[in-house]
Protein backbone atom coordinates (compact mmCIF):
# COMPACT_ATOMS: atom_id res chain seq x y z
CA MET A 1 -144.28 -47.99 23.17
CA ASN A 2 -147.16 -50.16 22.02
CA LEU A 3 -150.70 -48.63 22.49
CA GLN A 4 -151.12 -49.77 26.18
CA GLN A 5 -148.46 -48.25 27.49
CA LEU A 6 -149.72 -44.90 25.61
CA ILE A 7 -153.08 -45.70 26.75
CA GLN A 8 -151.34 -45.55 30.42
CA ALA A 9 -149.14 -42.61 29.60
CA ILE A 10 -152.69 -40.71 28.63
CA LYS A 11 -154.06 -41.62 32.12
CA GLY A 12 -151.31 -40.90 33.80
CA ASN A 13 -149.72 -37.51 32.41
CA SER A 14 -153.30 -35.72 31.92
CA HIS A 15 -152.85 -33.59 35.23
CA SER A 16 -150.27 -31.14 35.23
CA LEU A 17 -148.74 -28.79 32.29
CA GLN A 18 -145.61 -30.60 32.67
CA ASP A 19 -147.37 -33.79 32.56
CA LEU A 20 -149.46 -32.75 29.32
CA ALA A 21 -145.67 -31.53 27.69
CA HIS A 22 -144.66 -34.74 27.98
CA LEU A 23 -147.16 -36.34 26.86
CA LEU A 24 -147.47 -34.55 23.54
CA GLN A 25 -144.19 -35.62 22.76
CA GLN A 26 -145.00 -39.24 23.11
CA LEU A 27 -148.43 -38.87 21.34
CA GLN A 28 -145.90 -36.90 18.76
CA VAL A 29 -143.64 -40.01 18.13
CA SER A 30 -146.79 -42.70 18.26
CA GLU A 31 -148.88 -40.95 15.53
CA GLU A 32 -148.08 -43.68 12.73
CA SER A 33 -148.28 -46.75 14.96
CA LEU A 34 -151.33 -45.30 15.85
CA ARG A 35 -152.92 -44.46 12.33
CA ASN A 36 -151.45 -48.44 11.31
CA GLN A 37 -153.83 -50.26 13.99
CA PRO A 38 -157.17 -48.02 13.76
CA GLN A 39 -159.64 -50.88 14.81
CA LYS A 40 -157.59 -51.17 18.07
CA VAL A 41 -157.62 -47.28 18.70
CA ILE A 42 -161.10 -47.30 17.69
CA ASP A 43 -161.29 -49.77 21.06
CA ALA A 44 -159.02 -47.80 23.04
CA LEU A 45 -161.23 -44.77 23.01
CA SER A 46 -163.99 -46.19 25.10
CA VAL A 47 -161.00 -46.35 28.39
CA VAL A 48 -160.39 -42.89 27.63
CA ASP A 49 -161.95 -39.89 29.08
CA PRO A 50 -162.33 -37.42 26.50
CA SER A 51 -163.11 -34.52 28.72
CA ARG A 52 -160.08 -34.85 31.44
CA GLU A 53 -157.88 -36.70 28.97
CA SER A 54 -158.40 -34.54 25.93
CA LEU A 55 -154.95 -34.39 24.80
CA GLY A 56 -155.09 -38.41 24.16
CA TYR A 57 -158.68 -38.81 22.72
CA LEU A 58 -157.53 -35.99 20.65
CA PHE A 59 -154.56 -37.94 19.05
CA LEU A 60 -156.60 -41.59 19.16
CA LEU A 61 -159.48 -40.07 17.39
CA HIS A 62 -157.51 -38.44 14.88
CA SER A 63 -155.63 -41.14 14.07
CA VAL A 64 -159.14 -42.79 13.16
CA GLY A 65 -160.13 -40.04 10.95
CA SER A 66 -156.94 -39.78 9.11
CA GLN A 67 -157.71 -42.95 7.85
CA GLY A 68 -159.62 -41.85 4.92
CA LEU A 69 -163.10 -40.75 3.92
CA PRO A 70 -165.43 -43.21 3.11
CA ASP A 71 -168.01 -41.96 0.35
CA GLN A 72 -170.87 -41.87 2.04
CA GLY A 73 -168.74 -40.63 5.34
CA ASN A 74 -168.66 -42.17 8.42
CA ALA A 75 -172.09 -40.98 10.87
CA GLN A 76 -170.85 -43.01 14.52
CA PHE A 77 -167.16 -40.78 13.77
CA LEU A 78 -169.00 -37.88 13.12
CA ALA A 79 -170.73 -38.18 16.16
CA THR A 80 -167.86 -39.31 18.21
CA ALA A 81 -165.77 -36.17 17.26
CA SER A 82 -168.52 -33.35 17.85
CA ALA A 83 -169.04 -34.92 21.20
CA PHE A 84 -165.43 -34.27 21.84
CA VAL A 85 -165.56 -31.03 20.42
CA GLY A 86 -168.22 -30.29 22.81
CA ASN A 87 -166.48 -31.83 25.95
CA CYS A 88 -163.04 -31.63 25.36
CA GLU A 89 -160.79 -29.53 27.94
CA VAL A 90 -159.66 -26.17 25.97
CA ASP A 91 -156.18 -25.69 27.40
CA GLN A 92 -155.17 -29.20 26.49
CA ILE A 93 -156.26 -29.17 22.85
CA ARG A 94 -154.95 -25.66 22.34
CA MET A 95 -151.89 -27.79 23.35
CA ALA A 96 -151.94 -29.54 20.19
CA PRO A 97 -154.07 -26.58 16.97
CA GLU A 98 -152.89 -28.71 14.19
CA ARG A 99 -154.50 -32.11 15.19
CA PHE A 100 -157.44 -30.05 16.71
CA SER A 101 -157.87 -28.27 13.33
CA SER A 102 -157.47 -31.39 11.29
CA LEU A 103 -159.81 -33.01 12.91
CA CYS A 104 -162.50 -29.91 12.80
CA ARG A 105 -161.64 -30.31 8.92
CA GLN A 106 -162.50 -34.14 9.44
CA ILE A 107 -165.82 -33.06 10.66
CA LYS A 108 -166.82 -30.64 8.07
CA ASP A 109 -165.58 -33.30 5.34
CA HIS A 110 -167.59 -36.32 6.94
CA ALA A 111 -170.84 -34.20 7.29
CA GLY A 112 -170.36 -32.86 3.65
CA ALA A 113 -169.96 -36.94 2.57
CA LEU A 114 -173.02 -37.72 4.14
CA GLY A 115 -175.04 -35.24 2.60
CA SER A 116 -175.63 -33.36 5.94
CA PRO A 117 -173.07 -30.29 5.96
CA LYS A 118 -175.54 -28.98 8.40
CA LEU A 119 -174.40 -31.56 10.96
CA ALA A 120 -170.63 -30.01 11.13
CA ILE A 121 -172.13 -26.06 12.29
CA LEU A 122 -172.88 -26.48 15.32
CA PRO A 123 -169.40 -28.56 16.75
CA LEU A 124 -167.09 -26.39 14.44
CA LYS A 125 -168.51 -22.85 15.99
CA ILE A 126 -168.21 -24.77 19.14
CA GLY A 127 -164.45 -25.65 17.75
CA LEU A 128 -163.27 -21.93 16.76
CA GLN A 129 -164.46 -20.63 20.20
CA LYS A 130 -162.30 -23.12 21.84
CA LEU A 131 -159.03 -22.77 19.74
CA ALA A 132 -158.98 -19.30 19.08
CA PRO A 133 -157.21 -17.76 22.13
CA THR A 134 -159.49 -14.43 21.33
CA PRO A 135 -162.25 -13.76 19.85
CA GLU A 136 -160.02 -11.27 17.63
CA HIS A 137 -158.12 -13.84 16.34
CA VAL A 138 -159.19 -16.69 13.31
CA THR A 139 -158.55 -20.09 12.98
CA PRO A 140 -158.73 -23.23 10.32
CA ILE A 141 -161.93 -24.41 11.80
CA HIS A 142 -163.30 -20.55 10.55
CA THR A 143 -162.75 -21.42 7.40
CA ASP A 144 -164.51 -24.87 7.45
CA PHE A 145 -167.46 -23.47 10.27
CA VAL A 146 -168.39 -20.67 7.29
CA PHE A 147 -168.13 -23.54 4.21
CA SER A 148 -170.61 -25.58 5.94
CA CYS A 149 -172.44 -22.63 6.53
CA LEU A 150 -172.75 -22.44 3.11
CA GLN A 151 -172.98 -25.36 2.55
CA ALA A 152 -176.04 -25.62 3.96
CA LYS A 153 -177.18 -23.04 2.91
CA GLN A 154 -177.44 -21.70 6.77
CA TYR A 155 -176.43 -18.32 5.54
CA ASN A 156 -177.63 -16.49 8.83
CA ALA A 157 -176.01 -19.16 11.19
CA ALA A 158 -172.49 -17.47 10.10
CA ALA A 159 -173.61 -13.88 10.73
CA ASN A 160 -172.29 -13.12 13.98
CA THR A 161 -169.03 -14.94 13.12
CA LEU A 162 -168.65 -12.94 10.24
CA GLN A 163 -169.26 -9.65 12.11
CA GLN A 164 -166.41 -10.22 14.61
CA THR A 165 -163.63 -8.00 13.57
CA ILE A 166 -160.34 -9.76 13.20
CA PHE A 167 -157.05 -8.69 14.22
CA ASP A 168 -154.84 -11.61 14.94
CA VAL A 169 -154.12 -15.32 13.07
CA GLU A 170 -150.85 -16.20 15.04
CA PRO A 171 -150.27 -19.67 13.17
CA SER A 172 -148.25 -21.04 15.97
CA LYS A 173 -151.56 -20.61 18.32
CA THR A 174 -154.23 -21.56 15.49
CA ASN A 175 -152.37 -23.25 12.99
CA LEU A 176 -153.78 -20.82 10.11
CA LYS A 177 -151.90 -21.02 6.86
CA PRO A 178 -152.49 -17.98 4.12
CA THR A 179 -154.87 -20.51 2.20
CA ASP A 180 -156.99 -20.55 5.38
CA LEU A 181 -157.16 -17.02 5.48
CA LEU A 182 -158.25 -15.91 1.65
CA LEU A 183 -160.48 -18.78 1.65
CA TYR A 184 -162.47 -17.56 5.10
CA CYS A 185 -162.70 -13.93 3.14
CA TYR A 186 -163.86 -15.94 -0.29
CA TYR A 187 -166.58 -17.92 1.72
CA GLY A 188 -167.49 -15.28 3.83
CA GLY A 189 -168.40 -13.11 1.16
CA MET A 190 -170.31 -15.71 -1.17
CA ILE A 191 -172.06 -15.79 2.84
CA HIS A 192 -173.03 -11.58 2.76
CA ILE A 193 -174.32 -12.45 -0.92
CA GLY A 194 -176.65 -15.02 0.27
CA ARG A 195 -177.82 -12.45 2.59
CA ARG A 196 -177.77 -9.35 0.46
CA ARG A 197 -175.29 -7.51 2.27
CA TYR A 198 -173.15 -6.50 -0.25
CA SER A 199 -171.53 -3.61 1.48
CA GLU A 200 -169.96 -6.64 4.41
CA ALA A 201 -169.39 -8.99 1.23
CA LEU A 202 -166.91 -5.70 -0.20
CA GLN A 203 -165.42 -5.36 2.96
CA ILE A 204 -164.11 -9.19 3.51
CA PHE A 205 -163.19 -9.34 -0.01
CA LEU A 206 -161.13 -6.56 0.29
CA GLN A 207 -159.35 -8.34 3.60
CA GLY A 208 -158.87 -11.37 1.10
CA LEU A 209 -157.52 -9.17 -1.57
CA THR A 210 -155.06 -6.71 0.74
CA ALA A 211 -153.84 -9.43 2.84
CA PRO A 212 -150.12 -9.45 2.87
CA THR A 213 -148.90 -12.05 0.41
CA HIS A 214 -145.87 -12.80 -2.21
CA VAL A 215 -147.40 -15.52 -4.12
CA VAL A 216 -150.93 -15.04 -5.27
CA ASN A 217 -153.19 -17.71 -6.55
CA ALA A 218 -156.94 -19.02 -8.25
CA ILE A 219 -158.73 -18.04 -4.95
CA THR A 220 -157.29 -14.20 -5.09
CA VAL A 221 -158.47 -14.12 -8.55
CA ALA A 222 -162.07 -15.59 -7.82
CA THR A 223 -162.39 -13.24 -4.86
CA TYR A 224 -161.39 -10.17 -7.36
CA LYS A 225 -164.22 -11.43 -9.47
CA LYS A 226 -166.61 -11.51 -6.95
CA TYR A 227 -165.66 -7.71 -5.58
CA ALA A 228 -165.79 -6.52 -9.21
CA LEU A 229 -169.30 -7.75 -9.82
CA VAL A 230 -170.52 -6.89 -6.06
CA SER A 231 -168.79 -3.64 -6.34
CA LEU A 232 -170.89 -2.69 -9.63
CA ILE A 233 -174.22 -3.94 -8.05
CA HIS A 234 -173.80 -1.92 -5.09
CA ASN A 235 -172.01 0.85 -5.71
CA GLY A 236 -172.83 1.00 -9.85
CA SER A 237 -168.95 1.37 -10.45
CA LEU A 238 -165.62 -0.66 -9.60
CA MET A 239 -164.44 0.28 -6.52
CA ALA A 240 -160.52 0.67 -6.79
CA LEU A 241 -158.13 -1.66 -4.74
CA PRO A 242 -156.49 0.77 -1.66
CA LYS A 243 -152.67 1.56 -2.08
CA PHE A 244 -151.93 -1.10 0.50
CA THR A 245 -152.98 -3.70 -1.78
CA PRO A 246 -149.85 -6.34 -2.27
CA ALA A 247 -148.07 -5.31 -5.65
CA SER A 248 -148.18 -8.80 -6.74
CA VAL A 249 -152.00 -8.74 -6.25
CA MET A 250 -152.07 -6.01 -8.63
CA ARG A 251 -150.24 -7.22 -10.82
CA PHE A 252 -152.24 -11.18 -11.19
CA ILE A 253 -155.43 -9.44 -11.38
CA LYS A 254 -154.40 -7.32 -13.80
CA ALA A 255 -153.42 -10.39 -15.93
CA GLU A 256 -155.78 -12.54 -15.24
CA ALA A 257 -159.04 -10.68 -14.34
CA GLN A 258 -159.31 -7.72 -17.11
CA ALA A 259 -162.57 -9.40 -18.76
CA TYR A 260 -164.00 -8.11 -15.34
CA THR A 261 -162.25 -4.69 -15.29
CA ASP A 262 -163.33 -4.49 -19.02
CA LEU A 263 -167.07 -5.01 -18.11
CA ALA A 264 -167.12 -2.53 -15.24
CA THR A 265 -165.86 -0.32 -17.66
CA ALA A 266 -168.27 -0.57 -19.68
CA TYR A 267 -171.22 -0.69 -17.26
CA THR A 268 -170.44 2.69 -16.17
CA SER A 269 -170.19 4.17 -20.15
CA LYS A 270 -172.68 6.32 -21.55
CA THR A 271 -172.51 4.33 -24.90
CA GLN A 272 -175.38 1.63 -24.65
CA GLN A 273 -173.66 -0.44 -26.73
CA ASP A 274 -170.56 -0.47 -24.58
CA LEU A 275 -171.31 -3.19 -21.99
CA PRO A 276 -172.60 -5.38 -24.50
CA SER A 277 -169.81 -5.03 -26.65
CA ALA A 278 -167.26 -6.17 -23.41
CA ILE A 279 -169.71 -9.19 -22.76
CA GLU A 280 -169.38 -10.41 -26.29
CA LYS A 281 -165.47 -9.59 -26.17
CA HIS A 282 -165.10 -11.86 -23.26
CA GLN A 283 -167.80 -14.33 -23.70
CA GLY A 284 -165.34 -17.14 -23.90
CA GLN A 285 -164.58 -16.14 -19.61
CA PHE A 286 -168.17 -15.58 -18.89
CA ALA A 287 -169.67 -18.48 -20.90
CA GLU A 288 -167.01 -20.34 -18.79
CA VAL A 289 -168.26 -18.26 -15.26
CA ARG A 290 -172.03 -19.49 -16.49
CA SER A 291 -171.02 -23.01 -17.21
CA PHE A 292 -169.24 -23.32 -13.49
CA THR A 293 -172.27 -20.97 -11.48
CA TYR A 294 -174.65 -23.18 -12.80
CA SER A 295 -173.76 -26.07 -11.30
CA LYS A 296 -172.17 -25.08 -8.20
CA SER A 297 -172.21 -21.16 -7.88
CA ARG A 298 -175.15 -19.40 -9.48
CA GLU A 299 -174.58 -15.73 -7.47
CA THR A 300 -172.15 -14.88 -10.40
CA SER A 301 -174.38 -15.89 -13.17
CA GLN A 302 -177.14 -13.75 -11.31
CA ILE A 303 -174.60 -10.87 -10.80
CA ILE A 304 -173.45 -10.85 -14.65
CA MET A 305 -177.42 -11.17 -15.38
CA ILE A 306 -178.28 -8.05 -12.93
CA ALA A 307 -175.55 -5.96 -14.85
CA GLU A 308 -176.82 -6.64 -18.19
CA ALA A 309 -180.54 -6.42 -16.65
CA HIS A 310 -179.74 -2.70 -15.01
CA ARG A 311 -178.52 -1.22 -18.06
CA ALA A 312 -181.11 -2.73 -20.22
CA SER A 313 -184.24 -1.63 -18.01
CA PRO A 314 -184.24 -0.48 -14.19
CA ARG A 315 -187.39 -2.59 -13.85
CA ALA A 316 -186.29 -5.87 -14.92
CA PHE A 317 -183.08 -4.98 -12.33
CA SER A 318 -185.59 -4.48 -9.68
CA CYS A 319 -187.13 -7.92 -10.65
CA ILE A 320 -184.03 -10.23 -10.48
CA THR A 321 -182.62 -8.34 -6.99
CA HIS A 322 -185.42 -9.11 -5.47
CA GLY A 323 -185.34 -12.69 -6.76
CA PRO A 324 -183.54 -15.62 -4.47
CA VAL A 325 -180.06 -15.42 -4.06
CA ARG A 326 -178.83 -19.00 -3.65
CA PRO A 327 -174.49 -19.09 -3.75
CA ARG A 328 -173.48 -22.24 -3.36
CA LEU A 329 -170.01 -23.91 -3.91
CA SER A 330 -168.51 -27.00 -4.30
CA TYR A 331 -164.90 -27.43 -1.85
CA ALA A 332 -163.11 -29.88 -3.70
């Protein structure tokens, strides 16, 4: 089927659910052909109605975005994709959750490449509301939305979304992958740290740490490190992980995050020398953290400084905790 025939199919089969199901099959088998003629597809977008023929428009626009991310982004693509997310018909885009969530990720990527991650916040918030079957569902767009808020330092923009309790993921309807959920919890915790909502940060970090899994990755370890440090600040001690934490997570944390366990033990010790000794013992890891945080994620470095300062002087602790906390993270 050539492009002209596909456009005719889009315009003739965008009405009933039965017609749309048939159109979806035609679009799926045509994707490679669409990627091979990007300029013709761009021209074809002008004759497709994004609000009434949303399924076809989605596949066409997604194929354009799949051509690769320019170093400086593409402002025209970003504007077109953002407008489509706002105008698209919900039932149609939900027939292709993988393509819709991928398009939203393209929005996030282009906004970041343009140096304006704030531009992605509104369309991604609209997108996650359209894709999620209920407000209790989390989607991959939630992850990209929270990341964009973090990258743009617009922490309050993510507040209402993060306050929503998550009860369901339903990958078949949302295209959510395990990594998406872990990153949502990690970025969400970073947002809460930026808003000084330490209790909320601990809660969402726990969601990530206790999510059912058989395979543990670097995101889990990074989440635990943040959890340990925030726990020291908020509670004065390291909160034990609940019994329902997956055994694979417990084993991996014990092997990969011992420095943070030692730090927590020393922090609560009655012996004044224990904390600096623990920091000295693991200075390689903490130095690596500081090196990383000064360029990308400053809050972890500040939390370690808080731990040191709190033991040294309550007044110094007060000064540091009332200073600015601006978490930053680069998502490569």
